[in-house]
PDB file of N, CA and C in Angstrom:
ATOM      1  N   MET A   1     116.385 110.886 100.210  1.00  0.00           N
ATOM      2  CA  MET A   1     115.585 110.388 101.313  1.00  0.00           C
ATOM      3  C   MET A   1     114.855 109.134 100.851  1.00  0.00           C
ATOM      4  N   ASN A   2     114.945 108.083 101.646  1.00  0.00           N
ATOM      5  CA  ASN A   2     114.256 106.852 101.254  1.00  0.00           C
ATOM      6  C   ASN A   2     112.796 106.892 101.713  1.00  0.00           C
ATOM      7  N   ALA A   3     112.026 105.909 101.277  1.00  0.00           N
ATOM      8  CA  ALA A   3     110.585 105.888 101.542  1.00  0.00           C
ATOM      9  C   ALA A   3     110.278 105.828 103.032  1.00  0.00           C
ATOM     10  N   ASN A   4     111.001 105.008 103.782  1.00  0.00           N
ATOM     11  CA  ASN A   4     110.716 104.897 105.218  1.00  0.00           C
ATOM     12  C   ASN A   4     110.980 106.203 105.952  1.00  0.00           C
ATOM     13  N   THR A   5     112.055 106.867 105.607  1.00  0.00           N
ATOM     14  CA  THR A   5     112.363 108.150 106.232  1.00  0.00           C
ATOM     15  C   THR A   5     111.308 109.180 105.865  1.00  0.00           C
ATOM     16  N   ARG A   6     110.920 109.203 104.598  1.00  0.00           N
ATOM     17  CA  ARG A   6     109.881 110.143 104.148  1.00  0.00           C
ATOM     18  C   ARG A   6     108.568 109.862 104.874  1.00  0.00           C
ATOM     19  N   ARG A   7     108.216 108.604 105.019  1.00  0.00           N
ATOM     20  CA  ARG A   7     106.963 108.256 105.699  1.00  0.00           C
ATOM     21  C   ARG A   7     106.986 108.651 107.163  1.00  0.00           C
ATOM     22  N   ALA A   8     108.124 108.476 107.811  1.00  0.00           N
ATOM     23  CA  ALA A   8     108.249 108.913 109.203  1.00  0.00           C
ATOM     24  C   ALA A   8     108.071 110.432 109.301  1.00  0.00           C
ATOM     25  N   GLU A   9     108.619 111.146 108.341  1.00  0.00           N
ATOM     26  CA  GLU A   9     108.471 112.602 108.312  1.00  0.00           C
ATOM     27  C   GLU A   9     107.026 113.008 108.026  1.00  0.00           C
ATOM     28  N   ILE A  10     106.349 112.257 107.166  1.00  0.00           N
ATOM     29  CA  ILE A  10     104.932 112.541 106.890  1.00  0.00           C
ATOM     30  C   ILE A  10     104.126 112.421 108.180  1.00  0.00           C
ATOM     31  N   ILE A  11     104.376 111.365 108.953  1.00  0.00           N
ATOM     32  CA  ILE A  11     103.665 111.195 110.225  1.00  0.00           C
ATOM     33  C   ILE A  11     103.999 112.335 111.173  1.00  0.00           C
ATOM     34  N   ARG A  12     105.265 112.733 111.223  1.00  0.00           N
ATOM     35  CA  ARG A  12     105.658 113.849 112.086  1.00  0.00           C
ATOM     36  C   ARG A  12     104.907 115.117 111.693  1.00  0.00           C
ATOM     37  N   ILE A  13     104.819 115.369 110.397  1.00  0.00           N
ATOM     38  CA  ILE A  13     104.096 116.552 109.905  1.00  0.00           C
ATOM     39  C   ILE A  13     102.621 116.456 110.270  1.00  0.00           C
ATOM     40  N   LEU A  14     102.033 115.288 110.044  1.00  0.00           N
ATOM     41  CA  LEU A  14     100.606 115.124 110.350  1.00  0.00           C
ATOM     42  C   LEU A  14     100.334 115.243 111.850  1.00  0.00           C
ATOM     43  N   ARG A  15     101.246 114.776 112.672  1.00  0.00           N
ATOM     44  CA  ARG A  15     101.070 114.936 114.121  1.00  0.00           C
ATOM     45  C   ARG A  15     101.035 116.417 114.499  1.00  0.00           C
ATOM     46  N   GLY A  16     101.815 117.206 113.800  1.00  0.00           N
ATOM     47  CA  GLY A  16     101.868 118.630 114.101  1.00  0.00           C
ATOM     48  C   GLY A  16     100.713 119.420 113.533  1.00  0.00           C
ATOM     49  N   THR A  17     100.268 119.045 112.333  1.00  0.00           N
ATOM     50  CA  THR A  17      99.239 119.834 111.661  1.00  0.00           C
ATOM     51  C   THR A  17      97.871 119.175 111.665  1.00  0.00           C
ATOM     52  N   LYS A  18      97.830 117.881 111.869  1.00  0.00           N
ATOM     53  CA  LYS A  18      96.612 117.049 111.823  1.00  0.00           C
ATOM     54  C   LYS A  18      96.026 116.920 110.422  1.00  0.00           C
ATOM     55  N   GLN A  19      96.293 117.872 109.536  1.00  0.00           N
ATOM     56  CA  GLN A  19      95.752 117.805 108.188  1.00  0.00           C
ATOM     57  C   GLN A  19      96.657 118.557 107.224  1.00  0.00           C
ATOM     58  N   THR A  20      96.840 117.965 106.036  1.00  0.00           N
ATOM     59  CA  THR A  20      97.607 118.616 104.982  1.00  0.00           C
ATOM     60  C   THR A  20      97.105 118.064 103.653  1.00  0.00           C
ATOM     61  N   THR A  21      97.772 118.401 102.576  1.00  0.00           N
ATOM     62  CA  THR A  21      97.379 117.888 101.266  1.00  0.00           C
ATOM     63  C   THR A  21      98.526 117.098 100.651  1.00  0.00           C
ATOM     64  N   ALA A  22      98.182 116.253  99.700  1.00  0.00           N
ATOM     65  CA  ALA A  22      99.205 115.490  98.982  1.00  0.00           C
ATOM     66  C   ALA A  22     100.127 116.440  98.223  1.00  0.00           C
ATOM     67  N   ALA A  23      99.567 117.506  97.678  1.00  0.00           N
ATOM     68  CA  ALA A  23     100.381 118.468  96.923  1.00  0.00           C
ATOM     69  C   ALA A  23     101.411 119.144  97.828  1.00  0.00           C
ATOM     70  N   ARG A  24     101.004 119.537  99.042  1.00  0.00           N
ATOM     71  CA  ARG A  24     101.946 120.159  99.973  1.00  0.00           C
ATOM     72  C   ARG A  24     103.057 119.192 100.360  1.00  0.00           C
ATOM     73  N   LEU A  25     102.680 117.949 100.641  1.00  0.00           N
ATOM     74  CA  LEU A  25     103.686 116.952 101.008  1.00  0.00           C
ATOM     75  C   LEU A  25     104.624 116.669  99.836  1.00  0.00           C
ATOM     76  N   ALA A  26     104.058 116.585  98.632  1.00  0.00           N
ATOM     77  CA  ALA A  26     104.885 116.346  97.449  1.00  0.00           C
ATOM     78  C   ALA A  26     105.904 117.474  97.280  1.00  0.00           C
ATOM     79  N   ASP A  27     105.470 118.712  97.485  1.00  0.00           N
ATOM     80  CA  ASP A  27     106.390 119.846  97.406  1.00  0.00           C
ATOM     81  C   ASP A  27     107.454 119.771  98.497  1.00  0.00           C
ATOM     82  N   THR A  28     107.043 119.409  99.683  1.00  0.00           N
ATOM     83  CA  THR A  28     107.971 119.331 100.811  1.00  0.00           C
ATOM     84  C   THR A  28     109.092 118.335 100.542  1.00  0.00           C
ATOM     85  N   PHE A  29     108.734 117.186  99.963  1.00  0.00           N
ATOM     86  CA  PHE A  29     109.705 116.113  99.764  1.00  0.00           C
ATOM     87  C   PHE A  29     110.229 116.020  98.333  1.00  0.00           C
ATOM     88  N   ASN A  30     109.773 116.938  97.484  1.00  0.00           N
ATOM     89  CA  ASN A  30     110.213 116.966  96.095  1.00  0.00           C
ATOM     90  C   ASN A  30     109.961 115.632  95.380  1.00  0.00           C
ATOM     91  N   VAL A  31     108.744 115.121  95.569  1.00  0.00           N
ATOM     92  CA  VAL A  31     108.297 113.895  94.907  1.00  0.00           C
ATOM     93  C   VAL A  31     106.936 114.171  94.285  1.00  0.00           C
ATOM     94  N   SER A  32     106.412 113.201  93.571  1.00  0.00           N
ATOM     95  CA  SER A  32     105.101 113.373  92.945  1.00  0.00           C
ATOM     96  C   SER A  32     103.977 113.123  93.954  1.00  0.00           C
ATOM     97  N   THR A  33     102.796 113.627  93.636  1.00  0.00           N
ATOM     98  CA  THR A  33     101.651 113.342  94.501  1.00  0.00           C
ATOM     99  C   THR A  33     101.317 111.856  94.474  1.00  0.00           C
ATOM    100  N   LYS A  34     101.623 111.196  93.378  1.00  0.00           N
ATOM    101  CA  LYS A  34     101.411 109.748  93.293  1.00  0.00           C
ATOM    102  C   LYS A  34     102.281 109.012  94.326  1.00  0.00           C
ATOM    103  N   THR A  35     103.515 109.460  94.494  1.00  0.00           N
ATOM    104  CA  THR A  35     104.398 108.877  95.504  1.00  0.00           C
ATOM    105  C   THR A  35     103.823 109.098  96.901  1.00  0.00           C
ATOM    106  N   ILE A  36     103.325 110.289  97.168  1.00  0.00           N
ATOM    107  CA  ILE A  36     102.723 110.586  98.472  1.00  0.00           C
ATOM    108  C   ILE A  36     101.506 109.705  98.702  1.00  0.00           C
ATOM    109  N   LYS A  37     100.702 109.514  97.687  1.00  0.00           N
ATOM    110  CA  LYS A  37      99.521 108.652  97.836  1.00  0.00           C
ATOM    111  C   LYS A  37      99.922 107.211  98.148  1.00  0.00           C
ATOM    112  N   ARG A  38     100.998 106.745  97.531  1.00  0.00           N
ATOM    113  CA  ARG A  38     101.509 105.400  97.857  1.00  0.00           C
ATOM    114  C   ARG A  38     102.017 105.358  99.298  1.00  0.00           C
ATOM    115  N   ASP A  39     102.681 106.426  99.720  1.00  0.00           N
ATOM    116  CA  ASP A  39     103.155 106.497 101.102  1.00  0.00           C
ATOM    117  C   ASP A  39     101.988 106.457 102.085  1.00  0.00           C
ATOM    118  N   ILE A  40     100.950 107.212 101.807  1.00  0.00           N
ATOM    119  CA  ILE A  40      99.780 107.252 102.694  1.00  0.00           C
ATOM    120  C   ILE A  40      99.120 105.876 102.749  1.00  0.00           C
ATOM    121  N   LEU A  41      99.029 105.216 101.610  1.00  0.00           N
ATOM    122  CA  LEU A  41      98.467 103.863 101.582  1.00  0.00           C
ATOM    123  C   LEU A  41      99.309 102.914 102.433  1.00  0.00           C
ATOM    124  N   ALA A  42     100.621 102.979 102.300  1.00  0.00           N
ATOM    125  CA  ALA A  42     101.505 102.114 103.083  1.00  0.00           C
ATOM    126  C   ALA A  42     101.394 102.433 104.572  1.00  0.00           C
ATOM    127  N   LEU A  43     101.336 103.694 104.921  1.00  0.00           N
ATOM    128  CA  LEU A  43     101.216 104.070 106.327  1.00  0.00           C
ATOM    129  C   LEU A  43      99.899 103.589 106.926  1.00  0.00           C
ATOM    130  N   THR A  44      98.854 103.610 106.124  1.00  0.00           N
ATOM    131  CA  THR A  44      97.541 103.195 106.601  1.00  0.00           C
ATOM    132  C   THR A  44      97.421 101.676 106.675  1.00  0.00           C
ATOM    133  N   VAL A  45      97.761 101.006 105.581  1.00  0.00           N
ATOM    134  CA  VAL A  45      97.567  99.558 105.495  1.00  0.00           C
ATOM    135  C   VAL A  45      98.667  98.787 106.213  1.00  0.00           C
ATOM    136  N   ASP A  46      99.922  99.122 105.934  1.00  0.00           N
ATOM    137  CA  ASP A  46     101.044  98.351 106.481  1.00  0.00           C
ATOM    138  C   ASP A  46     101.380  98.736 107.922  1.00  0.00           C
ATOM    139  N   GLU A  47     101.293 100.021 108.236  1.00  0.00           N
ATOM    140  CA  GLU A  47     101.720 100.495 109.551  1.00  0.00           C
ATOM    141  C   GLU A  47     100.564 100.717 110.520  1.00  0.00           C
ATOM    142  N   GLY A  48      99.342 100.756 110.005  1.00  0.00           N
ATOM    143  CA  GLY A  48      98.176 100.878 110.878  1.00  0.00           C
ATOM    144  C   GLY A  48      97.856 102.274 111.383  1.00  0.00           C
ATOM    145  N   TYR A  49      98.394 103.301 110.740  1.00  0.00           N
ATOM    146  CA  TYR A  49      98.077 104.656 111.159  1.00  0.00           C
ATOM    147  C   TYR A  49      96.644 104.998 110.768  1.00  0.00           C
ATOM    148  N   PRO A  50      95.914 105.692 111.632  1.00  0.00           N
ATOM    149  CA  PRO A  50      94.527 106.077 111.316  1.00  0.00           C
ATOM    150  C   PRO A  50      94.501 107.345 110.463  1.00  0.00           C
ATOM    151  N   ILE A  51      94.773 107.170 109.189  1.00  0.00           N
ATOM    152  CA  ILE A  51      94.825 108.303 108.264  1.00  0.00           C
ATOM    153  C   ILE A  51      93.606 108.234 107.350  1.00  0.00           C
ATOM    154  N   ASP A  52      92.936 109.360 107.232  1.00  0.00           N
ATOM    155  CA  ASP A  52      91.800 109.481 106.325  1.00  0.00           C
ATOM    156  C   ASP A  52      92.168 110.443 105.211  1.00  0.00           C
ATOM    157  N   THR A  53      91.568 110.247 104.060  1.00  0.00           N
ATOM    158  CA  THR A  53      91.715 111.204 102.972  1.00  0.00           C
ATOM    159  C   THR A  53      90.328 111.690 102.588  1.00  0.00           C
ATOM    160  N   LYS A  54      90.253 112.962 102.270  1.00  0.00           N
ATOM    161  CA  LYS A  54      88.977 113.576 101.941  1.00  0.00           C
ATOM    162  C   LYS A  54      89.173 114.479 100.735  1.00  0.00           C
ATOM    163  N   LYS A  55      88.336 114.311  99.734  1.00  0.00           N
ATOM    164  CA  LYS A  55      88.424 115.138  98.529  1.00  0.00           C
ATOM    165  C   LYS A  55      87.638 116.425  98.707  1.00  0.00           C
ATOM    166  N   GLY A  56      87.980 117.408  97.879  1.00  0.00           N
ATOM    167  CA  GLY A  56      87.222 118.654  97.839  1.00  0.00           C
ATOM    168  C   GLY A  56      87.713 119.703  98.810  1.00  0.00           C
ATOM    169  N   ASN A  57      86.900 120.757  98.953  1.00  0.00           N
ATOM    170  CA  ASN A  57      87.250 121.851  99.864  1.00  0.00           C
ATOM    171  C   ASN A  57      87.396 121.316 101.282  1.00  0.00           C
ATOM    172  N   ASN A  58      88.365 121.836 101.984  1.00  0.00           N
ATOM    173  CA  ASN A  58      88.685 121.399 103.347  1.00  0.00           C
ATOM    174  C   ASN A  58      89.059 119.921 103.401  1.00  0.00           C
ATOM    175  N   GLY A  59      89.433 119.396 102.272  1.00  0.00           N
ATOM    176  CA  GLY A  59      89.852 117.999 102.220  1.00  0.00           C
ATOM    177  C   GLY A  59      91.342 117.883 102.411  1.00  0.00           C
ATOM    178  N   GLY A  60      91.835 116.696 102.164  1.00  0.00           N
ATOM    179  CA  GLY A  60      93.259 116.460 102.275  1.00  0.00           C
ATOM    180  C   GLY A  60      93.548 115.164 102.999  1.00  0.00           C
ATOM    181  N   ILE A  61      94.689 115.122 103.636  1.00  0.00           N
ATOM    182  CA  ILE A  61      95.153 113.953 104.373  1.00  0.00           C
ATOM    183  C   ILE A  61      95.039 114.299 105.853  1.00  0.00           C
ATOM    184  N   ILE A  62      94.307 113.468 106.585  1.00  0.00           N
ATOM    185  CA  ILE A  62      93.973 113.781 107.968  1.00  0.00           C
ATOM    186  C   ILE A  62      94.428 112.639 108.872  1.00  0.00           C
ATOM    187  N   LEU A  63      95.155 112.972 109.916  1.00  0.00           N
ATOM    188  CA  LEU A  63      95.565 111.986 110.913  1.00  0.00           C
ATOM    189  C   LEU A  63      94.603 112.080 112.090  1.00  0.00           C
ATOM    190  N   ARG A  64      93.835 111.006 112.292  1.00  0.00           N
ATOM    191  CA  ARG A  64      92.937 110.963 113.444  1.00  0.00           C
ATOM    192  C   ARG A  64      93.760 110.750 114.709  1.00  0.00           C
ATOM    193  N   ASP A  65      93.234 111.142 115.840  1.00  0.00           N
ATOM    194  CA  ASP A  65      93.908 110.923 117.116  1.00  0.00           C
ATOM    195  C   ASP A  65      94.017 109.433 117.393  1.00  0.00           C
ATOM    196  N   PHE A  66      95.158 109.038 117.908  1.00  0.00           N
ATOM    197  CA  PHE A  66      95.367 107.641 118.261  1.00  0.00           C
ATOM    198  C   PHE A  66      96.531 107.549 119.227  1.00  0.00           C
ATOM    199  N   ASN A  67      96.662 106.403 119.835  1.00  0.00           N
ATOM    200  CA  ASN A  67      97.778 106.162 120.746  1.00  0.00           C
ATOM    201  C   ASN A  67      98.492 104.909 120.288  1.00  0.00           C
ATOM    202  N   HIS A  68      99.647 105.084 119.686  1.00  0.00           N
ATOM    203  CA  HIS A  68     100.458 103.949 119.226  1.00  0.00           C
ATOM    204  C   HIS A  68     101.475 103.666 120.321  1.00  0.00           C
ATOM    205  N   PRO A  69     101.404 102.490 120.965  1.00  0.00           N
ATOM    206  CA  PRO A  69     102.237 102.245 122.140  1.00  0.00           C
ATOM    207  C   PRO A  69     103.743 102.251 121.883  1.00  0.00           C
ATOM    208  N   TYR A  70     104.178 102.057 120.643  1.00  0.00           N
ATOM    209  CA  TYR A  70     105.612 101.964 120.382  1.00  0.00           C
ATOM    210  C   TYR A  70     106.197 103.237 119.783  1.00  0.00           C
ATOM    211  N   LYS A  71     105.377 104.172 119.431  1.00  0.00           N
ATOM    212  CA  LYS A  71     105.867 105.380 118.790  1.00  0.00           C
ATOM    213  C   LYS A  71     106.562 106.284 119.793  1.00  0.00           C
ATOM    214  N   ARG A  72     107.526 107.039 119.297  1.00  0.00           N
ATOM    215  CA  ARG A  72     108.270 108.030 120.069  1.00  0.00           C
ATOM    216  C   ARG A  72     109.169 107.410 121.126  1.00  0.00           C
ATOM    217  N   ILE A  73     109.588 106.179 120.920  1.00  0.00           N
ATOM    218  CA  ILE A  73     110.523 105.554 121.841  1.00  0.00           C
ATOM    219  C   ILE A  73     111.941 106.012 121.536  1.00  0.00           C
ATOM    220  N   LEU A  74     112.265 106.205 120.268  1.00  0.00           N
ATOM    221  CA  LEU A  74     113.607 106.616 119.866  1.00  0.00           C
ATOM    222  C   LEU A  74     113.732 108.136 119.892  1.00  0.00           C
ATOM    223  N   SER A  75     114.882 108.605 120.349  1.00  0.00           N
ATOM    224  CA  SER A  75     115.152 110.043 120.304  1.00  0.00           C
ATOM    225  C   SER A  75     115.555 110.433 118.884  1.00  0.00           C
ATOM    226  N   GLN A  76     115.570 111.718 118.614  1.00  0.00           N
ATOM    227  CA  GLN A  76     115.988 112.199 117.294  1.00  0.00           C
ATOM    228  C   GLN A  76     117.434 111.820 117.015  1.00  0.00           C
ATOM    229  N   GLU A  77     118.273 111.849 118.029  1.00  0.00           N
ATOM    230  CA  GLU A  77     119.673 111.452 117.862  1.00  0.00           C
ATOM    231  C   GLU A  77     119.778 109.973 117.494  1.00  0.00           C
ATOM    232  N   GLN A  78     118.994 109.141 118.156  1.00  0.00           N
ATOM    233  CA  GLN A  78     118.998 107.704 117.851  1.00  0.00           C
ATOM    234  C   GLN A  78     118.516 107.450 116.423  1.00  0.00           C
ATOM    235  N   ILE A  79     117.483 108.154 116.026  1.00  0.00           N
ATOM    236  CA  ILE A  79     116.955 108.009 114.671  1.00  0.00           C
ATOM    237  C   ILE A  79     118.023 108.407 113.660  1.00  0.00           C
ATOM    238  N   LYS A  80     118.683 109.530 113.905  1.00  0.00           N
ATOM    239  CA  LYS A  80     119.723 110.015 112.991  1.00  0.00           C
ATOM    240  C   LYS A  80     120.825 108.975 112.823  1.00  0.00           C
ATOM    241  N   VAL A  81     121.280 108.396 113.926  1.00  0.00           N
ATOM    242  CA  VAL A  81     122.348 107.398 113.866  1.00  0.00           C
ATOM    243  C   VAL A  81     121.866 106.147 113.123  1.00  0.00           C
ATOM    244  N   LEU A  82     120.656 105.712 113.390  1.00  0.00           N
ATOM    245  CA  LEU A  82     120.128 104.529 112.689  1.00  0.00           C
ATOM    246  C   LEU A  82     120.014 104.784 111.184  1.00  0.00           C
ATOM    247  N   VAL A  83     119.594 105.973 110.804  1.00  0.00           N
ATOM    248  CA  VAL A  83     119.512 106.318 109.375  1.00  0.00           C
ATOM    249  C   VAL A  83     120.904 106.307 108.753  1.00  0.00           C
ATOM    250  N   GLU A  84     121.891 106.857 109.457  1.00  0.00           N
ATOM    251  CA  GLU A  84     123.261 106.867 108.944  1.00  0.00           C
ATOM    252  C   GLU A  84     123.796 105.446 108.783  1.00  0.00           C
ATOM    253  N   VAL A  85     123.527 104.596 109.760  1.00  0.00           N
ATOM    254  CA  VAL A  85     123.981 103.210 109.690  1.00  0.00           C
ATOM    255  C   VAL A  85     123.272 102.479 108.552  1.00  0.00           C
ATOM    256  N   ALA A  86     121.988 102.752 108.361  1.00  0.00           N
ATOM    257  CA  ALA A  86     121.233 102.103 107.286  1.00  0.00           C
ATOM    258  C   ALA A  86     121.806 102.448 105.913  1.00  0.00           C
ATOM    259  N   GLN A  87     122.333 103.649 105.779  1.00  0.00           N
ATOM    260  CA  GLN A  87     122.880 104.086 104.493  1.00  0.00           C
ATOM    261  C   GLN A  87     124.155 103.347 104.109  1.00  0.00           C
ATOM    262  N   ILE A  88     124.858 102.798 105.075  1.00  0.00           N
ATOM    263  CA  ILE A  88     126.100 102.080 104.766  1.00  0.00           C
ATOM    264  C   ILE A  88     125.966 100.577 104.979  1.00  0.00           C
ATOM    265  N   SER A  89     124.751 100.117 105.184  1.00  0.00           N
ATOM    266  CA  SER A  89     124.489  98.703 105.440  1.00  0.00           C
ATOM    267  C   SER A  89     124.146  97.965 104.155  1.00  0.00           C
ATOM    268  N   THR A  90     124.086  96.643 104.259  1.00  0.00           N
ATOM    269  CA  THR A  90     123.597  95.846 103.142  1.00  0.00           C
ATOM    270  C   THR A  90     122.119  96.162 102.941  1.00  0.00           C
ATOM    271  N   ALA A  91     121.565  95.780 101.815  1.00  0.00           N
ATOM    272  CA  ALA A  91     120.155  96.051 101.527  1.00  0.00           C
ATOM    273  C   ALA A  91     119.248  95.441 102.598  1.00  0.00           C
ATOM    274  N   TYR A  92     119.560  94.220 102.991  1.00  0.00           N
ATOM    275  CA  TYR A  92     118.746  93.550 104.014  1.00  0.00           C
ATOM    276  C   TYR A  92     118.838  94.295 105.349  1.00  0.00           C
ATOM    277  N   GLN A  93     120.055  94.640 105.766  1.00  0.00           N
ATOM    278  CA  GLN A  93     120.232  95.352 107.035  1.00  0.00           C
ATOM    279  C   GLN A  93     119.532  96.713 107.005  1.00  0.00           C
ATOM    280  N   ALA A  94     119.634  97.398 105.883  1.00  0.00           N
ATOM    281  CA  ALA A  94     118.981  98.700 105.745  1.00  0.00           C
ATOM    282  C   ALA A  94     117.471  98.563 105.855  1.00  0.00           C
ATOM    283  N   ARG A  95     116.923  97.525 105.234  1.00  0.00           N
ATOM    284  CA  ARG A  95     115.477  97.297 105.296  1.00  0.00           C
ATOM    285  C   ARG A  95     115.041  97.056 106.749  1.00  0.00           C
ATOM    286  N   VAL A  96     115.799  96.258 107.484  1.00  0.00           N
ATOM    287  CA  VAL A  96     115.469  95.984 108.886  1.00  0.00           C
ATOM    288  C   VAL A  96     115.590  97.261 109.721  1.00  0.00           C
ATOM    289  N   LEU A  97     116.691  97.991 109.546  1.00  0.00           N
ATOM    290  CA  LEU A  97     116.870  99.233 110.300  1.00  0.00           C
ATOM    291  C   LEU A  97     115.779 100.256 109.992  1.00  0.00           C
ATOM    292  N   ASN A  98     115.412 100.375 108.728  1.00  0.00           N
ATOM    293  CA  ASN A  98     114.343 101.316 108.360  1.00  0.00           C
ATOM    294  C   ASN A  98     113.013 100.881 108.945  1.00  0.00           C
ATOM    295  N   GLY A  99     112.797  99.573 109.055  1.00  0.00           N
ATOM    296  CA  GLY A  99     111.589  99.077 109.704  1.00  0.00           C
ATOM    297  C   GLY A  99     111.561  99.440 111.184  1.00  0.00           C
ATOM    298  N   ILE A 100     112.712  99.349 111.836  1.00  0.00           N
ATOM    299  CA  ILE A 100     112.819  99.736 113.242  1.00  0.00           C
ATOM    300  C   ILE A 100     112.530 101.231 113.394  1.00  0.00           C
ATOM    301  N   ILE A 101     113.121 102.026 112.520  1.00  0.00           N
ATOM    302  CA  ILE A 101     112.897 103.472 112.566  1.00  0.00           C
ATOM    303  C   ILE A 101     111.421 103.794 112.386  1.00  0.00           C
ATOM    304  N   ALA A 102     110.789 103.150 111.407  1.00  0.00           N
ATOM    305  CA  ALA A 102     109.366 103.408 111.150  1.00  0.00           C
ATOM    306  C   ALA A 102     108.498 102.966 112.327  1.00  0.00           C
ATOM    307  N   ALA A 103     108.852 101.857 112.950  1.00  0.00           N
ATOM    308  CA  ALA A 103     108.023 101.315 114.029  1.00  0.00           C
ATOM    309  C   ALA A 103     108.187 102.038 115.354  1.00  0.00           C
ATOM    310  N   TYR A 104     109.385 102.580 115.617  1.00  0.00           N
ATOM    311  CA  TYR A 104     109.657 103.113 116.943  1.00  0.00           C
ATOM    312  C   TYR A 104     109.972 104.591 116.993  1.00  0.00           C
ATOM    313  N   SER A 105     109.758 105.313 115.910  1.00  0.00           N
ATOM    314  CA  SER A 105     110.045 106.750 115.953  1.00  0.00           C
ATOM    315  C   SER A 105     108.812 107.570 115.654  1.00  0.00           C
TER     316      SER A 105
END
């Protein structure tokens, strides 16, 4: 799983649970917590998601409520096909397709 796909899945998980931990996400995706922290930073800074992190008891990664006008435009079938096409594309094409997936799914 590439970073963009993992990040899209992180957002999907956060939309469903509103809060989780880096350790849980790391286990889910079989990556390090450091990788998850980089993903959260990218989602917050680069993609503009309203994600907060809180240390200690009842802490974790929290997705605040928001309305992103472009999210959820693509169906799961469309996302699947775009991911498949990205896997057989040139590096540049894959980067563009993954950006589309991240922006519109």
